[in-house]
Amino acid sequence: MKFPSTPLSLLSKLKHPDDSPMWQASWKRFLELYHEPITVVAMSCYRHHTGGQVPSPGFVEDAVANVIADFFSRSQHRYDPSKGRLRAYLRMLSNARVVDLLRKERPIDHRSLDEAGLSEAPEESDHERDAFQRSLLAMLIEDLRGQIPMRQFEIFERVKLKHQSPEYVAEDLAITRAMVDRYIYKAMTKLRELAQQPEYQQEMAD
């Protein structure tokens, strides 16, 4: 299935939902891209609040599902990029939903959970940071896909992402090697331009 483009503009667009089918599909794609880091954060929060115990797959699945539902809920204030990083917002939601599930799972431990400072998630780990960076890069590529010609993106994808040789791509598409180089140059120029947008710069900063 081909999803509509999700301009980062995707992050900016969070402030301007219009409930159109394309907007909803873009959000679906966005959350697919961020499923991994939400999972990693949920597991980290669980270990933090249980003294290092490992959560069951079912617990993690429920936590991730609740984060996604919370993220989409019409009753919640939607994420506003002007107020901070997306990853900080997702970590806050993930911690809150993990705590909710722990309280249901371990009602007898309410006091110890409350004393643990549940309003704060554990410090961001390298594993979490790497997962968020992978998702951000994937979103940047999605943004690029929607803003350059299809043939140009295909050539960029095959050479830069699938690591096919420019010579092979030129021969396979029956075009000159110079044309392949030109398309890649244009795609990389656009990619750098997108990466310089304030929203991306904010999310990329350490």
C-alpha atoms as a PDB file:
ATOM      1  CA  MET A   1       0.000   0.000   0.000  1.00  0.00           C
ATOM      2  CA  LYS A   2       1.371   3.432  -0.898  1.00  0.00           C
ATOM      3  CA  PHE A   3       0.783   6.055   1.744  1.00  0.00           C
ATOM      4  CA  PRO A   4       0.425   9.733   0.974  1.00  0.00           C
ATOM      5  CA  SER A   5       3.419  11.908   1.594  1.00  0.00           C
ATOM      6  CA  THR A   6       3.951  12.998   5.173  1.00  0.00           C
ATOM      7  CA  PRO A   7       5.709  16.348   5.017  1.00  0.00           C
ATOM      8  CA  LEU A   8       7.362  17.469   8.153  1.00  0.00           C
ATOM      9  CA  SER A   9       5.220  19.543   7.549  1.00  0.00           C
ATOM     10  CA  LEU A  10       4.134  16.264   9.325  1.00  0.00           C
ATOM     11  CA  LEU A  11       5.430  17.622  12.629  1.00  0.00           C
ATOM     12  CA  SER A  12       4.186  21.099  11.805  1.00  0.00           C
ATOM     13  CA  LYS A  13       0.896  19.667  10.625  1.00  0.00           C
ATOM     14  CA  LEU A  14       0.159  18.245  14.057  1.00  0.00           C
ATOM     15  CA  LYS A  15      -0.977  21.730  14.964  1.00  0.00           C
ATOM     16  CA  HIS A  16      -3.473  21.833  12.107  1.00  0.00           C
ATOM     17  CA  PRO A  17      -5.458  18.556  11.909  1.00  0.00           C
ATOM     18  CA  ASP A  18      -8.187  18.518   9.281  1.00  0.00           C
ATOM     19  CA  ASP A  19      -9.482  14.919   9.677  1.00  0.00           C
ATOM     20  CA  SER A  20      -9.310  14.309   5.923  1.00  0.00           C
ATOM     21  CA  PRO A  21      -8.558  10.740   4.727  1.00  0.00           C
ATOM     22  CA  MET A  22      -5.085  11.826   3.614  1.00  0.00           C
ATOM     23  CA  TRP A  23      -4.383  13.450   6.976  1.00  0.00           C
ATOM     24  CA  GLN A  24      -5.513  10.307   8.810  1.00  0.00           C
ATOM     25  CA  ALA A  25      -3.385   8.076   6.559  1.00  0.00           C
ATOM     26  CA  SER A  26      -0.401  10.331   7.126  1.00  0.00           C
ATOM     27  CA  TRP A  27      -0.826   9.986  10.885  1.00  0.00           C
ATOM     28  CA  LYS A  28      -1.098   6.235  10.503  1.00  0.00           C
ATOM     29  CA  ARG A  29       2.191   6.189   8.638  1.00  0.00           C
ATOM     30  CA  PHE A  30       3.768   8.495  11.168  1.00  0.00           C
ATOM     31  CA  LEU A  31       2.918   6.181  14.046  1.00  0.00           C
ATOM     32  CA  GLU A  32       4.161   3.174  12.105  1.00  0.00           C
ATOM     33  CA  LEU A  33       7.508   4.946  11.836  1.00  0.00           C
ATOM     34  CA  TYR A  34       7.532   5.645  15.578  1.00  0.00           C
ATOM     35  CA  HIS A  35       6.315   2.237  16.783  1.00  0.00           C
ATOM     36  CA  GLU A  36       9.869   1.055  17.512  1.00  0.00           C
ATOM     37  CA  PRO A  37      10.972   3.919  19.766  1.00  0.00           C
ATOM     38  CA  ILE A  38       7.656   3.872  21.648  1.00  0.00           C
ATOM     39  CA  THR A  39       8.215   0.154  22.287  1.00  0.00           C
ATOM     40  CA  VAL A  40      11.778   0.745  23.456  1.00  0.00           C
ATOM     41  CA  VAL A  41      10.673   3.524  25.819  1.00  0.00           C
ATOM     42  CA  ALA A  42       7.816   1.440  27.229  1.00  0.00           C
ATOM     43  CA  MET A  43      10.228  -1.385  28.055  1.00  0.00           C
ATOM     44  CA  SER A  44      12.674   1.053  29.619  1.00  0.00           C
ATOM     45  CA  CYS A  45       9.961   2.619  31.786  1.00  0.00           C
ATOM     46  CA  TYR A  46       8.764  -0.792  32.926  1.00  0.00           C
ATOM     47  CA  ARG A  47      12.270  -1.797  34.001  1.00  0.00           C
ATOM     48  CA  HIS A  48      12.738   1.555  35.710  1.00  0.00           C
ATOM     49  CA  HIS A  49       9.583   1.201  37.810  1.00  0.00           C
ATOM     50  CA  THR A  50      10.010  -2.503  38.644  1.00  0.00           C
ATOM     51  CA  GLY A  51      13.640  -2.593  39.648  1.00  0.00           C
ATOM     52  CA  GLY A  52      14.946  -4.035  36.409  1.00  0.00           C
ATOM     53  CA  GLN A  53      12.288  -6.641  35.681  1.00  0.00           C
ATOM     54  CA  VAL A  54      11.564  -7.507  32.051  1.00  0.00           C
ATOM     55  CA  PRO A  55       7.985  -6.878  30.846  1.00  0.00           C
ATOM     56  CA  SER A  56       5.976  -9.525  29.078  1.00  0.00           C
ATOM     57  CA  PRO A  57       5.320  -9.058  25.351  1.00  0.00           C
ATOM     58  CA  GLY A  58       1.635  -8.621  26.169  1.00  0.00           C
ATOM     59  CA  PHE A  59       2.336  -5.806  28.608  1.00  0.00           C
ATOM     60  CA  VAL A  60       4.483  -3.963  26.072  1.00  0.00           C
ATOM     61  CA  GLU A  61       1.886  -4.399  23.332  1.00  0.00           C
ATOM     62  CA  ASP A  62      -0.809  -2.984  25.599  1.00  0.00           C
ATOM     63  CA  ALA A  63       1.385  -0.060  26.607  1.00  0.00           C
ATOM     64  CA  VAL A  64       2.238   0.819  23.003  1.00  0.00           C
ATOM     65  CA  ALA A  65      -1.413   0.533  21.960  1.00  0.00           C
ATOM     66  CA  ASN A  66      -2.440   2.837  24.808  1.00  0.00           C
ATOM     67  CA  VAL A  67       0.221   5.396  23.884  1.00  0.00           C
ATOM     68  CA  ILE A  68      -0.998   5.425  20.292  1.00  0.00           C
ATOM     69  CA  ALA A  69      -4.626   5.718  21.398  1.00  0.00           C
ATOM     70  CA  ASP A  70      -3.680   8.538  23.760  1.00  0.00           C
ATOM     71  CA  PHE A  71      -1.743  10.272  21.004  1.00  0.00           C
ATOM     72  CA  PHE A  72      -4.773  10.210  18.731  1.00  0.00           C
ATOM     73  CA  SER A  73      -7.449  10.881  21.321  1.00  0.00           C
ATOM     74  CA  ARG A  74      -9.595  13.858  20.480  1.00  0.00           C
ATOM     75  CA  SER A  75      -9.863  14.618  24.158  1.00  0.00           C
ATOM     76  CA  GLN A  76      -6.103  15.134  24.449  1.00  0.00           C
ATOM     77  CA  HIS A  77      -4.177  18.252  23.537  1.00  0.00           C
ATOM     78  CA  ARG A  78      -2.311  17.436  20.358  1.00  0.00           C
ATOM     79  CA  TYR A  79       1.445  17.645  20.208  1.00  0.00           C
ATOM     80  CA  ASP A  80       2.718  21.141  19.457  1.00  0.00           C
ATOM     81  CA  PRO A  81       6.267  21.234  18.019  1.00  0.00           C
ATOM     82  CA  SER A  82       6.704  24.791  19.294  1.00  0.00           C
ATOM     83  CA  LYS A  83       6.542  23.506  22.875  1.00  0.00           C
ATOM     84  CA  GLY A  84       9.285  20.900  22.684  1.00  0.00           C
ATOM     85  CA  ARG A  85      10.585  17.760  21.068  1.00  0.00           C
ATOM     86  CA  LEU A  86       8.301  15.073  19.791  1.00  0.00           C
ATOM     87  CA  ARG A  87      10.406  12.383  21.407  1.00  0.00           C
ATOM     88  CA  ALA A  88      10.066  14.052  24.818  1.00  0.00           C
ATOM     89  CA  TYR A  89       6.296  14.123  24.353  1.00  0.00           C
ATOM     90  CA  LEU A  90       6.199  10.457  23.342  1.00  0.00           C
ATOM     91  CA  ARG A  91       8.406   9.489  26.290  1.00  0.00           C
ATOM     92  CA  MET A  92       6.061  11.322  28.653  1.00  0.00           C
ATOM     93  CA  LEU A  93       3.028   9.524  27.223  1.00  0.00           C
ATOM     94  CA  SER A  94       4.809   6.155  27.281  1.00  0.00           C
ATOM     95  CA  ASN A  95       5.803   6.517  30.927  1.00  0.00           C
ATOM     96  CA  ALA A  96       2.284   7.537  31.940  1.00  0.00           C
ATOM     97  CA  ARG A  97       0.678   4.601  30.159  1.00  0.00           C
ATOM     98  CA  VAL A  98       3.189   2.115  31.580  1.00  0.00           C
ATOM     99  CA  VAL A  99       2.424   3.408  35.067  1.00  0.00           C
ATOM    100  CA  ASP A 100      -1.321   3.060  34.437  1.00  0.00           C
ATOM    101  CA  LEU A 101      -0.870  -0.569  33.437  1.00  0.00           C
ATOM    102  CA  LEU A 102       1.419  -1.301  36.373  1.00  0.00           C
ATOM    103  CA  ARG A 103      -1.179   0.059  38.775  1.00  0.00           C
ATOM    104  CA  LYS A 104      -3.773  -2.283  37.301  1.00  0.00           C
ATOM    105  CA  GLU A 105      -1.376  -5.216  37.241  1.00  0.00           C
ATOM    106  CA  ARG A 106       0.006  -4.651  40.739  1.00  0.00           C
ATOM    107  CA  PRO A 107      -2.630  -2.852  42.823  1.00  0.00           C
ATOM    108  CA  ILE A 108      -0.867  -3.857  46.021  1.00  0.00           C
ATOM    109  CA  ASP A 109       2.213  -1.893  44.957  1.00  0.00           C
ATOM    110  CA  HIS A 110       0.485   1.463  44.543  1.00  0.00           C
ATOM    111  CA  ARG A 111       2.369   3.064  47.404  1.00  0.00           C
ATOM    112  CA  SER A 112       5.800   1.965  46.194  1.00  0.00           C
ATOM    113  CA  LEU A 113       4.945   3.068  42.678  1.00  0.00           C
ATOM    114  CA  ASP A 114       3.849   6.486  43.873  1.00  0.00           C
ATOM    115  CA  GLU A 115       7.012   6.879  45.912  1.00  0.00           C
ATOM    116  CA  ALA A 116       9.105   6.142  42.815  1.00  0.00           C
ATOM    117  CA  GLY A 117       8.300   9.470  41.247  1.00  0.00           C
ATOM    118  CA  LEU A 118       6.022   8.304  38.465  1.00  0.00           C
ATOM    119  CA  SER A 119       5.696  11.704  36.896  1.00  0.00           C
ATOM    120  CA  GLU A 120       9.214  11.294  35.561  1.00  0.00           C
ATOM    121  CA  ALA A 121      10.393   8.766  33.003  1.00  0.00           C
ATOM    122  CA  PRO A 122      13.910   7.332  33.343  1.00  0.00           C
ATOM    123  CA  GLU A 123      16.709   9.211  31.640  1.00  0.00           C
ATOM    124  CA  GLU A 124      16.828   8.645  27.902  1.00  0.00           C
ATOM    125  CA  SER A 125      19.150   5.748  27.055  1.00  0.00           C
ATOM    126  CA  ASP A 126      21.401   5.412  24.019  1.00  0.00           C
ATOM    127  CA  HIS A 127      19.091   2.641  22.805  1.00  0.00           C
ATOM    128  CA  GLU A 128      16.087   4.954  22.939  1.00  0.00           C
ATOM    129  CA  ARG A 129      17.988   7.790  21.299  1.00  0.00           C
ATOM    130  CA  ASP A 130      19.100   5.515  18.459  1.00  0.00           C
ATOM    131  CA  ALA A 131      15.538   4.266  17.934  1.00  0.00           C
ATOM    132  CA  PHE A 132      14.194   7.821  17.738  1.00  0.00           C
ATOM    133  CA  GLN A 133      16.939   8.815  15.296  1.00  0.00           C
ATOM    134  CA  ARG A 134      16.100   5.875  13.018  1.00  0.00           C
ATOM    135  CA  SER A 135      12.455   6.881  13.026  1.00  0.00           C
ATOM    136  CA  LEU A 136      13.315  10.508  12.355  1.00  0.00           C
ATOM    137  CA  LEU A 137      15.505   9.516   9.410  1.00  0.00           C
ATOM    138  CA  ALA A 138      12.719   7.315   8.050  1.00  0.00           C
ATOM    139  CA  MET A 139      10.320  10.240   8.347  1.00  0.00           C
ATOM    140  CA  LEU A 140      12.795  12.487   6.535  1.00  0.00           C
ATOM    141  CA  ILE A 141      12.940   9.946   3.687  1.00  0.00           C
ATOM    142  CA  GLU A 142       9.130   9.853   3.609  1.00  0.00           C
ATOM    143  CA  ASP A 143       9.123  13.627   3.385  1.00  0.00           C
ATOM    144  CA  LEU A 144      11.579  13.476   0.481  1.00  0.00           C
ATOM    145  CA  ARG A 145       9.454  10.885  -1.316  1.00  0.00           C
ATOM    146  CA  GLY A 146       6.511  13.254  -1.370  1.00  0.00           C
ATOM    147  CA  GLN A 147       8.466  16.258  -2.626  1.00  0.00           C
ATOM    148  CA  ILE A 148      10.489  15.027  -5.608  1.00  0.00           C
ATOM    149  CA  PRO A 149       9.450  13.259  -8.861  1.00  0.00           C
ATOM    150  CA  MET A 150       8.792   9.542  -8.566  1.00  0.00           C
ATOM    151  CA  ARG A 151      11.598   8.562 -10.958  1.00  0.00           C
ATOM    152  CA  GLN A 152      14.066  10.754  -9.089  1.00  0.00           C
ATOM    153  CA  PHE A 153      13.120   9.152  -5.774  1.00  0.00           C
ATOM    154  CA  GLU A 154      13.346   5.646  -7.268  1.00  0.00           C
ATOM    155  CA  ILE A 155      16.915   6.285  -8.398  1.00  0.00           C
ATOM    156  CA  PHE A 156      17.849   7.857  -5.054  1.00  0.00           C
ATOM    157  CA  GLU A 157      16.335   4.897  -3.199  1.00  0.00           C
ATOM    158  CA  ARG A 158      18.071   2.274  -5.294  1.00  0.00           C
ATOM    159  CA  VAL A 159      21.513   3.877  -5.126  1.00  0.00           C
ATOM    160  CA  LYS A 160      21.536   5.430  -1.638  1.00  0.00           C
ATOM    161  CA  LEU A 161      19.207   3.148   0.327  1.00  0.00           C
ATOM    162  CA  LYS A 162      19.435  -0.190  -1.452  1.00  0.00           C
ATOM    163  CA  HIS A 163      23.107   0.323  -2.377  1.00  0.00           C
ATOM    164  CA  GLN A 164      22.768  -0.634  -6.010  1.00  0.00           C
ATOM    165  CA  SER A 165      25.585   0.684  -8.184  1.00  0.00           C
ATOM    166  CA  PRO A 166      24.834   3.762 -10.315  1.00  0.00           C
ATOM    167  CA  GLU A 167      26.039   1.817 -13.349  1.00  0.00           C
ATOM    168  CA  TYR A 168      23.580  -0.986 -12.704  1.00  0.00           C
ATOM    169  CA  VAL A 169      20.670   1.408 -12.149  1.00  0.00           C
ATOM    170  CA  ALA A 170      21.492   3.334 -15.332  1.00  0.00           C
ATOM    171  CA  GLU A 171      21.615   0.138 -17.372  1.00  0.00           C
ATOM    172  CA  ASP A 172      18.469  -1.278 -15.787  1.00  0.00           C
ATOM    173  CA  LEU A 173      16.482   1.898 -16.455  1.00  0.00           C
ATOM    174  CA  ALA A 174      18.024   2.450 -19.878  1.00  0.00           C
ATOM    175  CA  ILE A 175      19.309   5.907 -19.014  1.00  0.00           C
ATOM    176  CA  THR A 176      22.794   7.401 -18.911  1.00  0.00           C
ATOM    177  CA  ARG A 177      25.035   7.269 -15.878  1.00  0.00           C
ATOM    178  CA  ALA A 178      25.158  11.084 -15.988  1.00  0.00           C
ATOM    179  CA  MET A 179      21.377  11.199 -15.623  1.00  0.00           C
ATOM    180  CA  VAL A 180      21.555   8.907 -12.597  1.00  0.00           C
ATOM    181  CA  ASP A 181      24.156  11.181 -11.013  1.00  0.00           C
ATOM    182  CA  ARG A 182      22.041  14.241 -11.766  1.00  0.00           C
ATOM    183  CA  TYR A 183      18.909  12.744 -10.176  1.00  0.00           C
ATOM    184  CA  ILE A 184      20.849  11.710  -7.074  1.00  0.00           C
ATOM    185  CA  TYR A 185      22.391  15.164  -6.763  1.00  0.00           C
ATOM    186  CA  LYS A 186      18.955  16.789  -6.934  1.00  0.00           C
ATOM    187  CA  ALA A 187      17.517  14.345  -4.391  1.00  0.00           C
ATOM    188  CA  MET A 188      20.404  14.864  -1.972  1.00  0.00           C
ATOM    189  CA  THR A 189      20.104  18.622  -2.325  1.00  0.00           C
ATOM    190  CA  LYS A 190      16.418  18.431  -1.453  1.00  0.00           C
ATOM    191  CA  LEU A 191      17.143  16.054   1.430  1.00  0.00           C
ATOM    192  CA  ARG A 192      19.634  18.488   2.946  1.00  0.00           C
ATOM    193  CA  GLU A 193      17.143  21.296   2.491  1.00  0.00           C
ATOM    194  CA  LEU A 194      14.453  19.345   4.345  1.00  0.00           C
ATOM    195  CA  ALA A 195      16.860  18.402   7.125  1.00  0.00           C
ATOM    196  CA  GLN A 196      17.521  22.080   7.776  1.00  0.00           C
ATOM    197  CA  GLN A 197      13.898  22.790   8.644  1.00  0.00           C
ATOM    198  CA  PRO A 198      13.564  23.982  12.259  1.00  0.00           C
ATOM    199  CA  GLU A 199      11.357  21.036  13.227  1.00  0.00           C
ATOM    200  CA  TYR A 200      13.947  18.508  12.074  1.00  0.00           C
ATOM    201  CA  GLN A 201      16.803  20.456  13.626  1.00  0.00           C
ATOM    202  CA  GLN A 202      14.977  20.457  16.965  1.00  0.00           C
ATOM    203  CA  GLU A 203      14.418  16.692  16.867  1.00  0.00           C
ATOM    204  CA  MET A 204      17.976  15.928  15.688  1.00  0.00           C
ATOM    205  CA  ALA A 205      19.703  17.951  18.386  1.00  0.00           C
ATOM    206  CA  ASP A 206      21.239  15.937  21.215  1.00  0.00           C
END
